[in-house]
Amino acid sequence: MKKERPILFNAEMVRAVLDGRKTQTRRVVKDSFINFNSKDDVQWYMPFDGPLKQCPYGKVGDILRVNDKQDVLLEITNIRVERVKDISDEDCFAEGVTEREKHFCMDWSRFDTDPIYKHSHPKTFGNDNPKGAFLTYIDKICELETWKKDVNPWVWVVEFKVLEVRK
């Protein structure tokens, strides 16, 4: 039976989903754990302090509801776990990274609307590679500090497709 769960995206990421540029999201695994395994399209993990748990975002086939100015329904197509710094360039683009003039970024809106910001902060979101752009962005929204060598948390990788947009 499919379950429906809410999920939050900021306005720029909702636009990326609606434009077809974002088909994945990464969310930090909050529990300390012993191991992960997959059975019947469900990701399970064993926390250090308790019983076996299911991925909090659901399983393949479940629905994620993005509430924005309109309801966006997403169907989960795959779930896996990986270290945040193991993201591939291909997955960076599936996360919503875009390229402009050999710079990569997740959210260009500040550059587009504020010319002073664009000239005074040229590297805030613009990076010379897709992975740098993604890590800069996730550091900002999750306060991860992945620029530190020893910081590389586990993340849920949730892949999805748009099912329906309700206005």
Foldseek 3Di string as FASTA:
>chain_A
DAAEEEDEDDPLQVVCQVVVQAFKDKAFDDAAFDDWDDDPQWIWTHGPPDGIDTDPRGGAQHWYWYDDVWTWIKGWHHKDKDWLLVDDLVNLRNHQWDDDPQWIARDCVCVVPPVVCCVVCVVQQTDNGSSVNVVSVCCVVVVQPVVDPPGTGMIMMTGIHTDDIGD
